[in-house]
C-alpha atoms as a PDB file:
ATOM      1  CA  MET A   1      40.357 120.659  79.237  1.00  0.00           C
ATOM      2  CA  ILE A   2      41.518 117.098  79.749  1.00  0.00           C
ATOM      3  CA  ASN A   3      39.754 114.482  77.728  1.00  0.00           C
ATOM      4  CA  ASN A   4      39.485 111.575  80.107  1.00  0.00           C
ATOM      5  CA  ASP A   5      37.909 109.438  77.414  1.00  0.00           C
ATOM      6  CA  ASN A   6      41.238 109.184  75.607  1.00  0.00           C
ATOM      7  CA  MET A   7      43.165 108.084  78.686  1.00  0.00           C
ATOM      8  CA  ASP A   8      43.971 104.460  79.385  1.00  0.00           C
ATOM      9  CA  LYS A   9      42.769 103.117  82.661  1.00  0.00           C
ATOM     10  CA  GLU A  10      46.295 101.955  83.329  1.00  0.00           C
ATOM     11  CA  ASP A  11      47.505 105.570  83.065  1.00  0.00           C
ATOM     12  CA  ILE A  12      45.108 106.792  85.731  1.00  0.00           C
ATOM     13  CA  ILE A  13      46.655 107.005  89.192  1.00  0.00           C
ATOM     14  CA  ASP A  14      44.693 105.199  91.813  1.00  0.00           C
ATOM     15  CA  PHE A  15      45.061 107.565  94.763  1.00  0.00           C
ATOM     16  CA  GLU A  16      43.138 105.217  96.982  1.00  0.00           C
ATOM     17  CA  GLU A  17      45.784 102.532  96.578  1.00  0.00           C
ATOM     18  CA  PRO A  18      49.191 103.853  97.776  1.00  0.00           C
ATOM     19  CA  LEU A  19      52.251 103.004  95.755  1.00  0.00           C
ATOM     20  CA  ASP A  20      54.566 100.587  97.524  1.00  0.00           C
ATOM     21  CA  MET A  21      57.989 102.214  97.043  1.00  0.00           C
ATOM     22  CA  THR A  22      59.743  99.251  98.707  1.00  0.00           C
ATOM     23  CA  ASP A  23      58.550  96.883  96.004  1.00  0.00           C
ATOM     24  CA  PRO A  24      61.432  96.448  93.512  1.00  0.00           C
ATOM     25  CA  ASN A  25      58.942  95.188  90.896  1.00  0.00           C
ATOM     26  CA  ALA A  26      56.504  98.063  91.287  1.00  0.00           C
ATOM     27  CA  ARG A  27      55.618  99.692  87.941  1.00  0.00           C
ATOM     28  CA  VAL A  28      56.318 103.397  87.638  1.00  0.00           C
ATOM     29  CA  GLN A  29      52.909 105.019  87.326  1.00  0.00           C
ATOM     30  CA  ASN A  30      52.130 107.834  84.954  1.00  0.00           C
ATOM     31  CA  ASN A  31      50.264 111.014  85.748  1.00  0.00           C
ATOM     32  CA  GLY A  32      47.273 112.394  83.952  1.00  0.00           C
ATOM     33  CA  TYR A  33      49.430 114.130  81.356  1.00  0.00           C
ATOM     34  CA  ASN A  34      51.014 110.846  80.389  1.00  0.00           C
ATOM     35  CA  ALA A  35      54.353 112.048  81.930  1.00  0.00           C
ATOM     36  CA  PRO A  36      56.243 109.541  84.101  1.00  0.00           C
ATOM     37  CA  LEU A  37      56.560 110.207  87.808  1.00  0.00           C
ATOM     38  CA  TYR A  38      60.080 110.205  89.334  1.00  0.00           C
ATOM     39  CA  ASP A  39      61.160 106.774  90.410  1.00  0.00           C
ATOM     40  CA  ARG A  40      62.355 107.598  93.919  1.00  0.00           C
ATOM     41  CA  ARG A  41      64.241 104.327  94.146  1.00  0.00           C
ATOM     42  CA  ARG A  42      66.464 105.474  91.292  1.00  0.00           C
ATOM     43  CA  LEU A  43      66.750 108.978  92.696  1.00  0.00           C
ATOM     44  CA  TYR A  44      68.356 107.625  95.866  1.00  0.00           C
ATOM     45  CA  ASP A  45      70.078 104.665  94.248  1.00  0.00           C
ATOM     46  CA  ASP A  46      73.567 104.357  95.737  1.00  0.00           C
ATOM     47  CA  THR A  47      74.521 100.871  94.686  1.00  0.00           C
ATOM     48  CA  PRO A  48      78.151  99.922  93.935  1.00  0.00           C
ATOM     49  CA  LYS A  49      77.274  99.847  90.224  1.00  0.00           C
ATOM     50  CA  THR A  50      76.063 103.434  90.339  1.00  0.00           C
ATOM     51  CA  GLN A  51      79.072 104.516  92.364  1.00  0.00           C
ATOM     52  CA  LYS A  52      81.433 102.910  89.864  1.00  0.00           C
ATOM     53  CA  ILE A  53      79.882 104.983  87.131  1.00  0.00           C
ATOM     54  CA  LYS A  54      80.395 108.126  89.224  1.00  0.00           C
ATOM     55  CA  THR A  55      84.071 107.298  89.952  1.00  0.00           C
ATOM     56  CA  PRO A  56      86.397 109.674  88.097  1.00  0.00           C
ATOM     57  CA  LEU A  57      88.574 108.122  85.404  1.00  0.00           C
ATOM     58  CA  ILE A  58      91.829 109.163  87.092  1.00  0.00           C
ATOM     59  CA  GLN A  59      90.838 107.367  90.305  1.00  0.00           C
ATOM     60  CA  ARG A  60      89.986 104.212  88.376  1.00  0.00           C
ATOM     61  CA  ILE A  61      93.374 104.358  86.638  1.00  0.00           C
ATOM     62  CA  THR A  62      95.347 104.804  89.847  1.00  0.00           C
ATOM     63  CA  GLY A  63      93.203 102.070  91.400  1.00  0.00           C
ATOM     64  CA  VAL A  64      94.462  99.667  88.736  1.00  0.00           C
ATOM     65  CA  PHE A  65      98.039 100.654  89.587  1.00  0.00           C
ATOM     66  CA  VAL A  66      97.310  99.996  93.273  1.00  0.00           C
ATOM     67  CA  ILE A  67      96.239  96.443  92.408  1.00  0.00           C
ATOM     68  CA  ILE A  68      99.402  96.004  90.331  1.00  0.00           C
ATOM     69  CA  ALA A  69     101.485  97.279  93.268  1.00  0.00           C
ATOM     70  CA  MET A  70      99.767  94.817  95.594  1.00  0.00           C
ATOM     71  CA  LEU A  71     100.576  91.955  93.224  1.00  0.00           C
ATOM     72  CA  ILE A  72     104.201  93.107  92.977  1.00  0.00           C
ATOM     73  CA  ALA A  73     104.514  93.244  96.775  1.00  0.00           C
ATOM     74  CA  VAL A  74     103.040  89.776  97.285  1.00  0.00           C
ATOM     75  CA  GLY A  75     105.096  88.331  94.451  1.00  0.00           C
ATOM     76  CA  PHE A  76     108.268  89.857  95.865  1.00  0.00           C
ATOM     77  CA  MET A  77     107.595  88.525  99.369  1.00  0.00           C
ATOM     78  CA  GLY A  78     106.841  85.107  97.887  1.00  0.00           C
ATOM     79  CA  TYR A  79     110.150  85.198  96.019  1.00  0.00           C
ATOM     80  CA  MET A  80     112.026  86.165  99.206  1.00  0.00           C
ATOM     81  CA  ALA A  81     110.263  83.464 101.212  1.00  0.00           C
ATOM     82  CA  SER A  82     111.268  80.842  98.636  1.00  0.00           C
ATOM     83  CA  LYS A  83     114.971  81.771  99.021  1.00  0.00           C
ATOM     84  CA  GLY A  84     115.089  80.719 102.676  1.00  0.00           C
ATOM     85  CA  ASN A  85     117.963  82.238 104.685  1.00  0.00           C
ATOM     86  CA  PHE A  86     119.166  84.667 102.030  1.00  0.00           C
ATOM     87  CA  ASP A  87     121.871  87.320 102.445  1.00  0.00           C
ATOM     88  CA  ILE A  88     120.125  90.578 103.380  1.00  0.00           C
ATOM     89  CA  ASP A  89     123.009  92.751 102.175  1.00  0.00           C
ATOM     90  CA  LYS A  90     122.888  91.273  98.671  1.00  0.00           C
ATOM     91  CA  GLU A  91     119.105  91.532  98.417  1.00  0.00           C
ATOM     92  CA  LEU A  92     118.849  94.991 100.028  1.00  0.00           C
ATOM     93  CA  PRO A  93     118.874  96.920  96.691  1.00  0.00           C
ATOM     94  CA  LEU A  94     115.955  94.794  95.468  1.00  0.00           C
ATOM     95  CA  PHE A  95     114.112  95.389  98.755  1.00  0.00           C
ATOM     96  CA  LYS A  96     114.594  99.138  98.411  1.00  0.00           C
ATOM     97  CA  SER A  97     113.552  99.388  94.751  1.00  0.00           C
ATOM     98  CA  THR A  98     110.434  97.261  95.278  1.00  0.00           C
ATOM     99  CA  GLY A  99     109.465  99.137  98.432  1.00  0.00           C
ATOM    100  CA  ILE A 100     109.922 102.548  96.812  1.00  0.00           C
ATOM    101  CA  LEU A 101     107.822 101.503  93.806  1.00  0.00           C
ATOM    102  CA  VAL A 102     104.902 100.173  95.881  1.00  0.00           C
ATOM    103  CA  TYR A 103     105.118 103.016  98.410  1.00  0.00           C
ATOM    104  CA  GLY A 104     105.162 105.620  95.635  1.00  0.00           C
ATOM    105  CA  ILE A 105     102.078 104.179  93.937  1.00  0.00           C
ATOM    106  CA  PHE A 106     100.156 104.140  97.222  1.00  0.00           C
ATOM    107  CA  ILE A 107     101.037 107.777  97.954  1.00  0.00           C
ATOM    108  CA  ILE A 108     100.092 109.003  94.461  1.00  0.00           C
ATOM    109  CA  ASP A 109      96.802 107.113  94.591  1.00  0.00           C
ATOM    110  CA  SER A 110      96.015 108.440  98.077  1.00  0.00           C
ATOM    111  CA  ILE A 111      96.404 111.993  96.787  1.00  0.00           C
ATOM    112  CA  VAL A 112      93.992 111.236  93.929  1.00  0.00           C
ATOM    113  CA  VAL A 113      91.472 109.629  96.303  1.00  0.00           C
ATOM    114  CA  TYR A 114      91.735 112.610  98.627  1.00  0.00           C
ATOM    115  CA  GLY A 115      91.085 114.950  95.704  1.00  0.00           C
ATOM    116  CA  VAL A 116      87.831 113.110  94.980  1.00  0.00           C
ATOM    117  CA  ASN A 117      86.580 112.231  98.474  1.00  0.00           C
ATOM    118  CA  LYS A 118      88.366 114.860 100.626  1.00  0.00           C
ATOM    119  CA  ASN A 119      89.307 112.117 103.084  1.00  0.00           C
ATOM    120  CA  ILE A 120      92.707 113.071 104.505  1.00  0.00           C
ATOM    121  CA  SER A 121      93.038 109.777 106.376  1.00  0.00           C
ATOM    122  CA  VAL A 122      93.859 107.919 103.139  1.00  0.00           C
ATOM    123  CA  ILE A 123      97.035 109.998 102.776  1.00  0.00           C
ATOM    124  CA  VAL A 124      97.930 109.357 106.427  1.00  0.00           C
ATOM    125  CA  PHE A 125      97.585 105.588 105.921  1.00  0.00           C
ATOM    126  CA  ALA A 126      99.620 105.687 102.715  1.00  0.00           C
ATOM    127  CA  LEU A 127     102.443 107.559 104.466  1.00  0.00           C
ATOM    128  CA  ILE A 128     102.498 105.860 107.869  1.00  0.00           C
ATOM    129  CA  LEU A 129     100.694 102.510 107.474  1.00  0.00           C
ATOM    130  CA  PRO A 130     101.134 101.537 103.804  1.00  0.00           C
ATOM    131  CA  VAL A 131     100.470  97.866 104.551  1.00  0.00           C
ATOM    132  CA  PHE A 132      96.890  98.760 105.507  1.00  0.00           C
ATOM    133  CA  TYR A 133      96.418 101.374 102.791  1.00  0.00           C
ATOM    134  CA  PRO A 134      94.522  99.143 100.294  1.00  0.00           C
ATOM    135  CA  ILE A 135      91.879  98.356 102.923  1.00  0.00           C
ATOM    136  CA  LYS A 136      91.597 101.997 103.944  1.00  0.00           C
ATOM    137  CA  ARG A 137      91.227 102.923 100.278  1.00  0.00           C
ATOM    138  CA  ALA A 138      88.457 100.367  99.806  1.00  0.00           C
ATOM    139  CA  TYR A 139      86.504 101.908 102.697  1.00  0.00           C
ATOM    140  CA  ALA A 140      87.066 105.439 101.416  1.00  0.00           C
ATOM    141  CA  THR A 141      85.945 104.632  97.862  1.00  0.00           C
ATOM    142  CA  SER A 142      83.247 102.069  98.816  1.00  0.00           C
ATOM    143  CA  ASP A 143      85.000  99.467  96.656  1.00  0.00           C
ATOM    144  CA  THR A 144      85.015  95.763  97.399  1.00  0.00           C
ATOM    145  CA  LYS A 145      87.229  94.911 100.357  1.00  0.00           C
ATOM    146  CA  THR A 146      87.781  91.252  99.471  1.00  0.00           C
ATOM    147  CA  ILE A 147      90.858  91.866  97.320  1.00  0.00           C
ATOM    148  CA  SER A 148      92.456  94.080  99.983  1.00  0.00           C
ATOM    149  CA  LEU A 149      91.820  91.564 102.762  1.00  0.00           C
ATOM    150  CA  VAL A 150      93.232  88.681 100.739  1.00  0.00           C
ATOM    151  CA  TRP A 151      96.283  90.786  99.907  1.00  0.00           C
ATOM    152  CA  LEU A 152      96.846  91.749 103.543  1.00  0.00           C
ATOM    153  CA  VAL A 153      96.643  88.138 104.742  1.00  0.00           C
ATOM    154  CA  ALA A 154      98.964  86.895 101.982  1.00  0.00           C
ATOM    155  CA  PHE A 155     101.464  89.692 102.563  1.00  0.00           C
ATOM    156  CA  ALA A 156     101.441  89.140 106.344  1.00  0.00           C
ATOM    157  CA  VAL A 157     101.919  85.360 106.073  1.00  0.00           C
ATOM    158  CA  LEU A 158     104.746  85.647 103.549  1.00  0.00           C
ATOM    159  CA  GLY A 159     106.333  88.503 105.493  1.00  0.00           C
ATOM    160  CA  ILE A 160     106.333  86.571 108.779  1.00  0.00           C
ATOM    161  CA  TYR A 161     107.750  83.486 107.059  1.00  0.00           C
ATOM    162  CA  THR A 162     110.488  85.546 105.392  1.00  0.00           C
ATOM    163  CA  PHE A 163     111.388  87.285 108.661  1.00  0.00           C
ATOM    164  CA  SER A 164     111.580  83.943 110.469  1.00  0.00           C
ATOM    165  CA  ASN A 165     114.255  82.885 107.963  1.00  0.00           C
ATOM    166  CA  VAL A 166     116.477  85.939 108.434  1.00  0.00           C
ATOM    167  CA  HIS A 167     115.538  87.300 111.878  1.00  0.00           C
ATOM    168  CA  VAL A 168     119.069  86.708 113.229  1.00  0.00           C
ATOM    169  CA  GLN A 169     120.507  88.868 110.446  1.00  0.00           C
ATOM    170  CA  VAL A 170     117.867  91.548 111.076  1.00  0.00           C
ATOM    171  CA  GLU A 171     118.599  91.619 114.807  1.00  0.00           C
ATOM    172  CA  ARG A 172     122.307  91.948 114.107  1.00  0.00           C
ATOM    173  CA  LYS A 173     121.663  94.818 111.692  1.00  0.00           C
ATOM    174  CA  ILE A 174     119.680  96.604 114.395  1.00  0.00           C
ATOM    175  CA  GLU A 175     122.560  96.205 116.854  1.00  0.00           C
ATOM    176  CA  LEU A 176     124.847  98.092 114.457  1.00  0.00           C
ATOM    177  CA  ILE A 177     122.675 101.227 114.544  1.00  0.00           C
ATOM    178  CA  LYS A 178     124.013 104.138 116.563  1.00  0.00           C
ATOM    179  CA  THR A 179     122.024 104.817 119.745  1.00  0.00           C
ATOM    180  CA  SER A 180     121.400 108.148 121.454  1.00  0.00           C
ATOM    181  CA  SER A 181     123.900 107.319 124.217  1.00  0.00           C
ATOM    182  CA  ASP A 182     126.784 106.578 121.807  1.00  0.00           C
ATOM    183  CA  ASP A 183     129.344 109.347 121.539  1.00  0.00           C
ATOM    184  CA  TYR A 184     131.216 109.639 118.253  1.00  0.00           C
ATOM    185  CA  SER A 185     131.168 111.763 115.119  1.00  0.00           C
ATOM    186  CA  SER A 186     129.804 110.665 111.762  1.00  0.00           C
ATOM    187  CA  ASP A 187     133.285 110.174 110.291  1.00  0.00           C
ATOM    188  CA  CYS A 188     133.691 107.208 112.653  1.00  0.00           C
ATOM    189  CA  ASP A 189     130.383 105.537 111.711  1.00  0.00           C
ATOM    190  CA  GLU A 190     131.998 103.083 109.322  1.00  0.00           C
ATOM    191  CA  ALA A 191     134.678 102.048 111.796  1.00  0.00           C
ATOM    192  CA  VAL A 192     132.193 101.489 114.642  1.00  0.00           C
ATOM    193  CA  ARG A 193     129.834  99.459 112.445  1.00  0.00           C
ATOM    194  CA  LEU A 194     132.771  97.450 111.132  1.00  0.00           C
ATOM    195  CA  LEU A 195     133.930  96.584 114.652  1.00  0.00           C
ATOM    196  CA  LYS A 196     130.435  95.834 115.962  1.00  0.00           C
ATOM    197  CA  GLY A 197     129.779  93.444 113.084  1.00  0.00           C
ATOM    198  CA  GLN A 198     133.067  91.513 113.294  1.00  0.00           C
ATOM    199  CA  MET A 199     132.469  87.813 113.910  1.00  0.00           C
ATOM    200  CA  VAL A 200     134.314  86.135 116.787  1.00  0.00           C
ATOM    201  CA  GLY A 201     133.353  82.499 116.594  1.00  0.00           C
ATOM    202  CA  ASP A 202     129.592  82.380 116.128  1.00  0.00           C
ATOM    203  CA  ARG A 203     128.924  85.826 117.633  1.00  0.00           C
ATOM    204  CA  THR A 204     129.576  89.408 116.640  1.00  0.00           C
ATOM    205  CA  VAL A 205     131.635  91.812 118.766  1.00  0.00           C
ATOM    206  CA  VAL A 206     128.507  93.768 119.685  1.00  0.00           C
ATOM    207  CA  GLU A 207     126.799  90.543 120.830  1.00  0.00           C
ATOM    208  CA  ILE A 208     129.817  89.737 123.027  1.00  0.00           C
ATOM    209  CA  VAL A 209     129.692  93.221 124.519  1.00  0.00           C
ATOM    210  CA  LYS A 210     125.939  93.041 125.051  1.00  0.00           C
ATOM    211  CA  ASN A 211     126.270  89.675 126.802  1.00  0.00           C
ATOM    212  CA  ASN A 212     129.024  90.787 129.191  1.00  0.00           C
ATOM    213  CA  ILE A 213     128.756  94.540 129.817  1.00  0.00           C
ATOM    214  CA  ASP A 214     125.784  96.399 131.305  1.00  0.00           C
ATOM    215  CA  ASP A 215     124.829  99.965 130.348  1.00  0.00           C
ATOM    216  CA  TYR A 216     127.525 100.044 127.691  1.00  0.00           C
ATOM    217  CA  VAL A 217     128.272 103.054 125.498  1.00  0.00           C
ATOM    218  CA  TRP A 218     130.357 103.270 122.327  1.00  0.00           C
ATOM    219  CA  GLU A 219     132.871 106.055 121.807  1.00  0.00           C
ATOM    220  CA  ALA A 220     135.171 106.704 118.849  1.00  0.00           C
ATOM    221  CA  GLU A 221     137.645 109.224 117.530  1.00  0.00           C
ATOM    222  CA  LYS A 222     139.567 109.569 114.304  1.00  0.00           C
ATOM    223  CA  VAL A 223     143.271 108.680 114.543  1.00  0.00           C
ATOM    224  CA  SER A 224     144.122 108.948 110.845  1.00  0.00           C
ATOM    225  CA  SER A 225     142.297 108.952 107.518  1.00  0.00           C
ATOM    226  CA  GLU A 226     141.828 105.179 107.690  1.00  0.00           C
ATOM    227  CA  VAL A 227     142.109 104.368 111.406  1.00  0.00           C
ATOM    228  CA  CYS A 228     139.721 105.070 114.278  1.00  0.00           C
ATOM    229  CA  SER A 229     140.061 104.403 117.979  1.00  0.00           C
ATOM    230  CA  VAL A 230     136.797 102.709 119.038  1.00  0.00           C
ATOM    231  CA  THR A 231     136.051 102.195 122.719  1.00  0.00           C
ATOM    232  CA  VAL A 232     133.198 100.558 124.590  1.00  0.00           C
ATOM    233  CA  LYS A 233     132.699 101.214 128.293  1.00  0.00           C
ATOM    234  CA  GLY A 234     130.222 100.022 130.881  1.00  0.00           C
ATOM    235  CA  ASN A 235     129.816  97.840 133.956  1.00  0.00           C
ATOM    236  CA  CYS A 236     131.202  94.310 133.930  1.00  0.00           C
ATOM    237  CA  ASP A 237     131.370  91.507 136.517  1.00  0.00           C
ATOM    238  CA  PHE A 238     133.856  88.647 136.246  1.00  0.00           C
ATOM    239  CA  VAL A 239     136.437  86.778 138.299  1.00  0.00           C
ATOM    240  CA  ILE A 240     139.669  85.835 136.534  1.00  0.00           C
ATOM    241  CA  ASN A 241     142.823  84.657 138.268  1.00  0.00           C
ATOM    242  CA  GLN A 242     145.460  87.388 138.652  1.00  0.00           C
ATOM    243  CA  ILE A 243     143.158  89.973 137.009  1.00  0.00           C
ATOM    244  CA  PRO A 244     141.620  92.867 139.012  1.00  0.00           C
ATOM    245  CA  GLN A 245     137.917  92.225 139.574  1.00  0.00           C
ATOM    246  CA  PRO A 246     135.587  94.986 138.333  1.00  0.00           C
ATOM    247  CA  ASP A 247     134.205  96.974 141.274  1.00  0.00           C
ATOM    248  CA  ALA A 248     130.402  97.218 141.255  1.00  0.00           C
ATOM    249  CA  LEU A 249     130.638 100.640 142.966  1.00  0.00           C
ATOM    250  CA  TYR A 250     132.894 102.028 140.215  1.00  0.00           C
ATOM    251  CA  ASN A 251     130.934 103.636 137.380  1.00  0.00           C
ATOM    252  CA  ASN A 252     131.956 102.247 133.977  1.00  0.00           C
ATOM    253  CA  ASN A 253     134.336  99.834 135.662  1.00  0.00           C
ATOM    254  CA  THR A 254     135.331  98.227 132.348  1.00  0.00           C
ATOM    255  CA  LYS A 255     136.717  99.980 129.301  1.00  0.00           C
ATOM    256  CA  ILE A 256     137.796  98.143 126.131  1.00  0.00           C
ATOM    257  CA  SER A 257     139.487  99.992 123.275  1.00  0.00           C
ATOM    258  CA  PHE A 258     140.273  98.873 119.714  1.00  0.00           C
ATOM    259  CA  LYS A 259     142.123 100.261 116.712  1.00  0.00           C
ATOM    260  CA  VAL A 260     139.971  99.800 113.597  1.00  0.00           C
ATOM    261  CA  ASN A 261     141.317 100.135 110.064  1.00  0.00           C
ATOM    262  CA  THR A 262     138.481 100.861 107.630  1.00  0.00           C
ATOM    263  CA  ALA A 263     140.719 100.217 104.605  1.00  0.00           C
ATOM    264  CA  THR A 264     141.839  96.709 105.568  1.00  0.00           C
ATOM    265  CA  LYS A 265     138.594  95.907 107.479  1.00  0.00           C
ATOM    266  CA  LYS A 266     140.668  94.674 110.409  1.00  0.00           C
ATOM    267  CA  TYR A 267     140.790  95.572 114.103  1.00  0.00           C
ATOM    268  CA  ASP A 268     143.248  95.118 116.961  1.00  0.00           C
ATOM    269  CA  LEU A 269     142.735  95.182 120.704  1.00  0.00           C
ATOM    270  CA  ALA A 270     144.432  98.353 121.987  1.00  0.00           C
ATOM    271  CA  TYR A 271     143.920  98.146 125.755  1.00  0.00           C
ATOM    272  CA  ILE A 272     141.491  97.212 128.535  1.00  0.00           C
ATOM    273  CA  ALA A 273     141.074  99.235 131.724  1.00  0.00           C
ATOM    274  CA  ILE A 274     139.442  97.821 134.877  1.00  0.00           C
ATOM    275  CA  ASN A 275     138.376 100.273 137.613  1.00  0.00           C
ATOM    276  CA  GLY A 276     140.272 103.013 135.798  1.00  0.00           C
ATOM    277  CA  VAL A 277     143.584 101.100 135.678  1.00  0.00           C
ATOM    278  CA  ASP A 278     145.036  99.846 132.381  1.00  0.00           C
ATOM    279  CA  LEU A 279     145.797  96.124 132.258  1.00  0.00           C
ATOM    280  CA  THR A 280     149.003  94.779 130.785  1.00  0.00           C
ATOM    281  CA  ALA A 281     148.856  93.613 127.167  1.00  0.00           C
ATOM    282  CA  GLN A 282     148.819  89.974 128.288  1.00  0.00           C
ATOM    283  CA  GLN A 283     146.067  90.616 130.844  1.00  0.00           C
ATOM    284  CA  ALA A 284     144.002  92.504 128.240  1.00  0.00           C
ATOM    285  CA  VAL A 285     144.189  89.577 125.827  1.00  0.00           C
ATOM    286  CA  GLN A 286     143.232  87.181 128.642  1.00  0.00           C
ATOM    287  CA  VAL A 287     140.171  89.269 129.588  1.00  0.00           C
ATOM    288  CA  TRP A 288     139.032  89.673 125.981  1.00  0.00           C
ATOM    289  CA  GLU A 289     139.326  85.932 125.311  1.00  0.00           C
ATOM    290  CA  TYR A 290     137.336  85.267 128.480  1.00  0.00           C
ATOM    291  CA  LEU A 291     134.555  87.645 127.362  1.00  0.00           C
ATOM    292  CA  CYS A 292     134.502  86.130 123.865  1.00  0.00           C
ATOM    293  CA  ASN A 293     134.049  82.615 125.273  1.00  0.00           C
ATOM    294  CA  ASN A 294     131.628  83.577 128.055  1.00  0.00           C
ATOM    295  CA  LYS A 295     128.077  82.673 127.071  1.00  0.00           C
END
């Protein structure tokens, strides 16, 4: 039998006065057996502090590496931006090593986060959209998003500034890539890229071709171990004295062929055919000089 005389008035629950569970300062009342009632606010507490305690150690460790990777990426882009119009070829190894390091950390961390939260989208972002991965991770783990947003803005600003310094080089690199319409085997890749990238004045050969020939296609074949015959054909339109004018009704009315030596890094004009007819050597030189100077 309960001895009510020994109970404090403060320990007695006042059932007539309901407990305000929304009051953060409300005192946890005790029951008649002097045992504390469950504090429902704590039972459903899901604050960032509580979540941090619940975060597995491995995820916290990889999270630190993600922050380090973000700092490395921003620092690298800042370094590149400070160099101005740098040589992409010389800096390419540094670009690759830095990118692989940051990319690898993001992928490893995404796998860890997936193991904890079973959110497959973090792996997708790490693989396909690594630039946005830190923000996606913050949403998946309910971490603060401030650091990720600051990093994204800084990386974007520095990246745009860096690209603006070297965009001409980047565009030229893209022009050297083999397209689906090009027709040549892999053993001619070096020769074709070498020819495309040759500078004639202030333009490359591929820029001259792009400016003068429509619907052009590159072809190449091996002549010897060091020499390839590289040809570009398409539709051209020009008027030069004593030179046959390309016929608009003739498919691939212009064909220009070169001999490229991959050992000496040099090329020579082999021949030019207009409307299927080979020009003389003098006419071929005249047409090529015209195309090189035509802007």
